[in-house]
Amino acid sequence: MNKQQPFDEHVYNTPTFYTLDIDVIVSPSGINISNCSSPCARETKHNEEQYISPIETTTEINCVYPFKPTPLGHCVNILIDFYNCGLVGYVCPVNYTSCSAGQCSSAPAVQLTKAIPIFTAALNGSVDDVFYNVTLPLNVTLYNTTTNFIQVSTNGVLCLGSCSTEYTETTLPAHRFSGTTAFPYWDDLYVYANTSQGIYYEIQGETPNRTVIFEYYCSHYRAPKEYYHFQVLLFEQYSGVVEYIYYDVSDRGANCTIGIQASKTGPFMQYSFQEVNSVIPNMTLTYDTNNGTFILSNFS
């Protein structure tokens, strides 16, 4: 049966980011962006606590929505920041786990503290079967491919070469992906509007030891209550190494492909294909494409 597409297939260019402290630019989809140089005080919510009022900013800083300036001169994302949820200074009560679309929520939380949105549902709405172009300020290497240009698919695939919006997973090597491709969770994933779901990235560390982290927080097509939340780490100092970290995986790997390939004909390393209980929360897969090995581990 053909899938009914609620969203046209497109490729979007995302801008290059070098810092979050001065100017933050979002919007591959042409959203209306306006500057904000000083925050406003938050009104008290009935029976809720932990707000800052009044807020006085002593450092001039330009932040582009959904980022807002703090009194210390930093930009925070008020749509996903647990400690600045909806407005600067508002901390969600302890019975919540995350900030989702600017509201305290019990849904999974975005892990990155300075997350740069590639696509964010709180602003852009829903999205399905799309990939985005991301240009990084550093080179990363997998197999024999070295690049600073990554194509990020909403279906849990990162391409260092030509990408695809294919949503039906297969065994590896996958012929629809001609170049070096990472498959942290290839499945028919879907981002639902009015949530903190989306795809984000962040660059941590200093040259020559920087790490780029891509974070997926999605659901499944026609299954908004399923959660697929994982990260992909690429390293400046560890050429040929990529790491997958899993936080929430509703179907435990029953309908996905996980692995990595150099081209559509290989070489490749496949960890799993539609294998129940192959993926569990707090699991890490580390691939070394230099010697064709991977390590499975857990974190607490």
Protein backbone atom coordinates (compact mmCIF):
# COMPACT_ATOMS: atom_id res chain seq x y z
CA MET A 1 0.00 0.00 0.00
CA ASN A 2 1.34 3.40 -0.92
CA LYS A 3 1.89 5.75 1.93
CA GLN A 4 -0.27 8.87 1.90
CA GLN A 5 2.15 11.75 2.14
CA PRO A 6 0.96 14.56 4.44
CA PHE A 7 4.03 16.60 3.55
CA ASP A 8 5.82 17.09 0.23
CA GLU A 9 9.36 15.79 -0.06
CA HIS A 10 11.86 18.62 0.05
CA VAL A 11 15.47 19.34 0.79
CA TYR A 12 16.18 22.32 3.02
CA ASN A 13 19.39 24.21 3.61
CA THR A 14 20.09 25.13 7.21
CA PRO A 15 22.49 27.95 8.07
CA THR A 16 25.91 27.36 9.58
CA PHE A 17 26.18 28.12 13.29
CA TYR A 18 29.41 29.00 15.06
CA THR A 19 28.08 30.30 18.37
CA LEU A 20 24.88 30.62 20.33
CA ASP A 21 26.07 33.54 22.43
CA ILE A 22 25.52 36.35 19.93
CA ASP A 23 23.16 35.50 17.09
CA VAL A 24 21.07 32.38 16.69
CA ILE A 25 19.37 31.84 13.35
CA VAL A 26 16.75 29.19 12.80
CA SER A 27 14.27 28.35 10.10
CA PRO A 28 14.81 26.18 7.09
CA SER A 29 11.12 26.73 6.38
CA GLY A 30 10.95 30.50 6.22
CA ILE A 31 9.37 31.27 9.59
CA ASN A 32 9.03 34.88 10.66
CA ILE A 33 11.95 35.76 12.92
CA SER A 34 12.27 38.87 15.06
CA ASN A 35 15.00 40.05 17.40
CA CYS A 36 14.62 40.40 21.15
CA SER A 37 17.18 42.34 23.15
CA SER A 38 15.67 42.13 26.65
CA PRO A 39 13.27 39.67 28.30
CA CYS A 40 10.09 40.54 30.15
CA ALA A 41 9.03 39.48 33.58
CA ARG A 42 6.82 36.41 33.81
CA GLU A 43 3.39 36.64 35.39
CA THR A 44 2.76 34.36 38.35
CA LYS A 45 0.88 31.13 37.57
CA HIS A 46 -1.67 29.95 40.08
CA ASN A 47 -0.24 27.23 42.35
CA GLU A 48 3.07 27.15 40.47
CA GLU A 49 6.38 28.47 41.66
CA GLN A 50 9.91 29.35 40.59
CA TYR A 51 9.80 32.41 38.41
CA ILE A 52 12.03 35.46 38.23
CA SER A 53 10.40 38.89 38.44
CA PRO A 54 11.47 41.42 37.55
CA ILE A 55 14.27 40.43 35.14
CA GLU A 56 16.89 43.03 34.41
CA THR A 57 19.33 42.44 31.60
CA THR A 58 22.68 44.14 31.88
CA THR A 59 24.20 42.65 28.73
CA GLU A 60 22.88 43.58 25.30
CA ILE A 61 22.46 40.44 23.22
CA ASN A 62 20.40 39.61 20.15
CA CYS A 63 18.51 36.32 20.25
CA VAL A 64 16.20 35.09 17.51
CA TYR A 65 12.97 33.36 18.55
CA PRO A 66 12.58 30.77 20.03
CA PHE A 67 15.77 31.88 21.79
CA LYS A 68 15.47 34.59 24.43
CA PRO A 69 18.21 36.42 26.39
CA THR A 70 18.91 35.68 30.03
CA PRO A 71 20.15 38.23 32.60
CA LEU A 72 23.64 36.72 32.23
CA GLY A 73 23.68 37.39 28.50
CA HIS A 74 22.98 33.91 27.10
CA CYS A 75 20.36 32.80 24.59
CA VAL A 76 18.03 30.05 25.80
CA ASN A 77 15.38 28.17 23.83
CA ILE A 78 12.15 28.84 25.71
CA LEU A 79 10.33 26.11 23.77
CA ILE A 80 12.44 23.24 25.13
CA ASP A 81 14.46 24.57 28.10
CA PHE A 82 13.18 23.01 31.34
CA TYR A 83 14.63 25.91 33.35
CA ASN A 84 13.26 28.60 31.03
CA CYS A 85 10.00 27.09 29.85
CA GLY A 86 7.78 29.52 27.99
CA LEU A 87 9.53 32.55 29.46
CA VAL A 88 13.01 33.21 30.77
CA GLY A 89 13.36 32.20 34.40
CA TYR A 90 10.38 29.87 34.67
CA VAL A 91 11.40 26.44 35.99
CA CYS A 92 8.98 23.57 35.47
CA PRO A 93 7.69 21.92 38.68
CA VAL A 94 9.40 18.69 39.69
CA ASN A 95 6.47 16.50 38.63
CA TYR A 96 7.25 17.31 34.98
CA THR A 97 10.10 15.88 32.92
CA SER A 98 10.47 18.33 30.04
CA CYS A 99 9.52 21.58 28.39
CA SER A 100 7.53 20.87 25.22
CA ALA A 101 6.50 23.73 22.92
CA GLY A 102 6.95 26.15 25.81
CA GLN A 103 4.78 24.16 28.22
CA CYS A 104 5.84 21.89 31.05
CA SER A 105 5.31 18.30 29.95
CA SER A 106 5.78 14.66 30.90
CA ALA A 107 7.07 13.81 27.41
CA PRO A 108 10.76 12.98 26.84
CA ALA A 109 13.15 15.91 27.14
CA VAL A 110 15.67 17.16 24.56
CA GLN A 111 19.10 16.36 26.01
CA LEU A 112 21.21 19.05 24.33
CA THR A 113 21.56 22.17 26.46
CA LYS A 114 22.36 24.52 23.55
CA ALA A 115 20.37 22.75 20.88
CA ILE A 116 20.29 24.37 17.44
CA PRO A 117 17.03 23.44 15.66
CA ILE A 118 17.34 21.84 12.24
CA PHE A 119 13.59 21.36 12.37
CA THR A 120 11.43 22.00 15.43
CA ALA A 121 7.74 21.12 15.59
CA ALA A 122 6.92 23.92 18.00
CA LEU A 123 7.67 26.44 15.24
CA ASN A 124 7.47 24.55 11.96
CA GLY A 125 4.61 22.11 12.57
CA SER A 126 4.64 18.50 11.40
CA VAL A 127 7.14 17.01 8.96
CA ASP A 128 7.57 13.68 7.21
CA ASP A 129 10.05 12.22 4.70
CA VAL A 130 12.36 15.22 4.33
CA PHE A 131 16.10 15.72 4.59
CA TYR A 132 17.95 18.90 5.52
CA ASN A 133 21.40 20.19 4.56
CA VAL A 134 23.67 21.11 7.45
CA THR A 135 27.09 22.73 6.95
CA LEU A 136 29.41 22.34 9.94
CA PRO A 137 32.45 24.42 10.99
CA LEU A 138 34.51 21.22 11.22
CA ASN A 139 35.24 18.15 9.11
CA VAL A 140 34.15 14.67 10.13
CA THR A 141 35.19 11.35 8.61
CA LEU A 142 33.48 7.98 8.17
CA TYR A 143 35.07 5.27 6.02
CA ASN A 144 36.92 7.19 3.29
CA THR A 145 34.60 10.19 3.27
CA THR A 146 35.69 13.44 4.92
CA THR A 147 33.26 16.37 4.80
CA ASN A 148 31.66 19.23 6.71
CA PHE A 149 28.36 18.79 4.82
CA ILE A 150 25.73 16.46 6.33
CA GLN A 151 22.29 15.66 4.99
CA VAL A 152 19.93 14.80 7.83
CA SER A 153 16.81 12.77 7.06
CA THR A 154 13.71 12.81 9.25
CA ASN A 155 13.67 9.02 8.92
CA GLY A 156 16.66 8.49 11.20
CA VAL A 157 19.43 8.61 8.57
CA LEU A 158 22.50 10.87 8.24
CA CYS A 159 24.26 11.07 4.89
CA LEU A 160 27.82 12.19 4.18
CA GLY A 161 27.01 11.83 0.50
CA SER A 162 23.83 11.75 -1.55
CA CYS A 163 20.78 11.21 0.68
CA SER A 164 17.25 9.86 0.20
CA THR A 165 13.84 10.34 1.80
CA GLU A 166 13.15 6.58 1.61
CA TYR A 167 11.09 5.58 4.66
CA THR A 168 10.90 1.79 4.22
CA GLU A 169 13.91 0.21 5.88
CA THR A 170 15.81 -2.63 4.26
CA THR A 171 18.86 -4.70 5.07
CA LEU A 172 22.25 -3.13 4.42
CA PRO A 173 23.76 -2.15 2.12
CA ALA A 174 20.79 0.01 1.14
CA HIS A 175 20.82 0.85 -2.57
CA ARG A 176 18.83 4.07 -2.16
CA PHE A 177 21.79 5.63 -0.33
CA SER A 178 24.74 5.85 -2.70
CA GLY A 179 27.37 7.41 -0.41
CA THR A 180 28.61 7.04 3.14
CA THR A 181 25.52 6.83 5.35
CA ALA A 182 24.83 6.37 9.06
CA PHE A 183 21.61 4.58 10.02
CA PRO A 184 21.08 5.23 13.75
CA TYR A 185 17.36 4.36 13.46
CA TRP A 186 16.11 4.05 9.90
CA ASP A 187 12.34 3.89 10.13
CA ASP A 188 9.24 5.85 9.06
CA LEU A 189 9.68 8.49 11.74
CA TYR A 190 7.41 11.52 12.00
CA VAL A 191 7.59 14.88 13.79
CA TYR A 192 4.25 16.01 15.23
CA ALA A 193 3.23 19.67 15.53
CA ASN A 194 2.82 21.54 18.83
CA THR A 195 5.45 19.45 20.62
CA SER A 196 9.16 19.84 21.32
CA GLN A 197 9.82 17.08 18.76
CA GLY A 198 12.32 17.81 16.04
CA ILE A 199 15.92 17.34 14.97
CA TYR A 200 18.60 19.39 16.67
CA TYR A 201 22.38 19.63 16.77
CA GLU A 202 25.11 21.11 18.90
CA ILE A 203 28.88 21.44 18.65
CA GLN A 204 30.80 20.85 21.86
CA GLY A 205 34.47 21.30 22.74
CA GLU A 206 37.30 23.29 21.18
CA THR A 207 39.47 22.77 18.09
CA PRO A 208 40.85 20.15 17.42
CA ASN A 209 38.69 18.14 19.82
CA ARG A 210 35.19 19.17 18.81
CA THR A 211 32.20 16.84 18.76
CA VAL A 212 29.04 17.40 16.72
CA ILE A 213 25.91 15.87 18.24
CA PHE A 214 22.71 15.37 16.27
CA GLU A 215 19.63 14.69 18.36
CA TYR A 216 16.39 13.16 17.09
CA TYR A 217 13.18 13.40 19.08
CA CYS A 218 10.36 11.98 16.93
CA SER A 219 7.36 9.69 16.90
CA HIS A 220 6.29 7.21 14.24
CA TYR A 221 4.05 7.84 11.23
CA ARG A 222 0.44 7.48 12.45
CA ALA A 223 1.67 6.69 15.98
CA PRO A 224 2.04 9.98 17.91
CA LYS A 225 2.31 8.24 21.27
CA GLU A 226 5.40 6.29 20.26
CA TYR A 227 8.71 8.01 21.02
CA TYR A 228 12.06 7.63 19.25
CA HIS A 229 14.73 9.70 20.92
CA PHE A 230 18.42 9.23 20.15
CA GLN A 231 21.68 11.02 19.40
CA VAL A 232 24.43 10.63 16.79
CA LEU A 233 27.94 11.78 17.73
CA LEU A 234 30.69 12.54 15.19
CA PHE A 235 34.19 13.42 16.34
CA GLU A 236 36.81 15.78 15.00
CA GLN A 237 39.64 14.01 16.83
CA TYR A 238 38.47 10.39 16.26
CA SER A 239 38.48 9.97 12.51
CA GLY A 240 36.17 7.20 11.29
CA VAL A 241 34.22 6.81 14.55
CA VAL A 242 30.49 7.44 15.09
CA GLU A 243 28.42 6.80 18.20
CA TYR A 244 24.67 6.21 18.55
CA ILE A 245 23.03 6.86 21.94
CA TYR A 246 19.42 5.76 22.58
CA TYR A 247 17.08 7.31 25.15
CA ASP A 248 13.52 6.32 24.16
CA VAL A 249 12.68 3.58 21.62
CA SER A 250 9.03 2.56 21.75
CA ASP A 251 9.20 -0.49 19.47
CA ARG A 252 12.62 -1.66 20.76
CA GLY A 253 13.98 -2.02 17.21
CA ALA A 254 11.14 -4.12 15.77
CA ASN A 255 10.69 -1.92 12.69
CA CYS A 256 14.04 -0.31 11.97
CA THR A 257 17.49 -0.79 10.48
CA ILE A 258 20.59 0.18 12.46
CA GLY A 259 24.09 0.26 11.02
CA ILE A 260 26.45 2.13 8.72
CA GLN A 261 27.65 1.76 5.13
CA ALA A 262 30.34 3.26 2.90
CA SER A 263 28.28 3.02 -0.30
CA LYS A 264 25.30 1.24 -1.78
CA THR A 265 27.53 -1.75 -2.46
CA GLY A 266 29.39 -1.69 0.87
CA PRO A 267 31.40 -2.17 2.92
CA PHE A 268 28.86 -1.97 5.71
CA MET A 269 28.16 -2.96 9.32
CA GLN A 270 24.59 -3.89 10.21
CA TYR A 271 23.68 -4.16 13.87
CA SER A 272 20.02 -5.05 13.40
CA PHE A 273 17.12 -5.22 10.95
CA GLN A 274 13.56 -5.38 12.31
CA GLU A 275 14.79 -7.23 15.38
CA VAL A 276 12.63 -7.06 18.51
CA ASN A 277 14.48 -5.94 21.66
CA SER A 278 17.62 -5.12 19.73
CA VAL A 279 17.45 -1.55 21.05
CA ILE A 280 16.74 -0.53 24.63
CA PRO A 281 16.90 2.80 26.45
CA ASN A 282 20.36 3.85 27.68
CA MET A 283 22.10 1.80 25.01
CA THR A 284 25.14 3.00 23.06
CA LEU A 285 26.59 1.71 19.77
CA THR A 286 30.08 2.87 18.79
CA TYR A 287 31.22 2.12 15.23
CA ASP A 288 34.84 2.29 14.10
CA THR A 289 34.87 2.35 10.30
CA ASN A 290 38.67 2.16 10.25
CA ASN A 291 38.73 -1.47 11.30
CA GLY A 292 35.11 -2.54 10.67
CA THR A 293 34.07 -3.10 14.29
CA PHE A 294 31.43 -1.85 16.69
CA ILE A 295 30.99 -1.92 20.46
CA LEU A 296 27.67 -2.27 22.30
CA SER A 297 27.45 -0.74 25.77
CA ASN A 298 25.03 0.81 28.24
CA PHE A 299 25.08 4.06 30.21
CA SER A 300 23.27 4.97 33.42
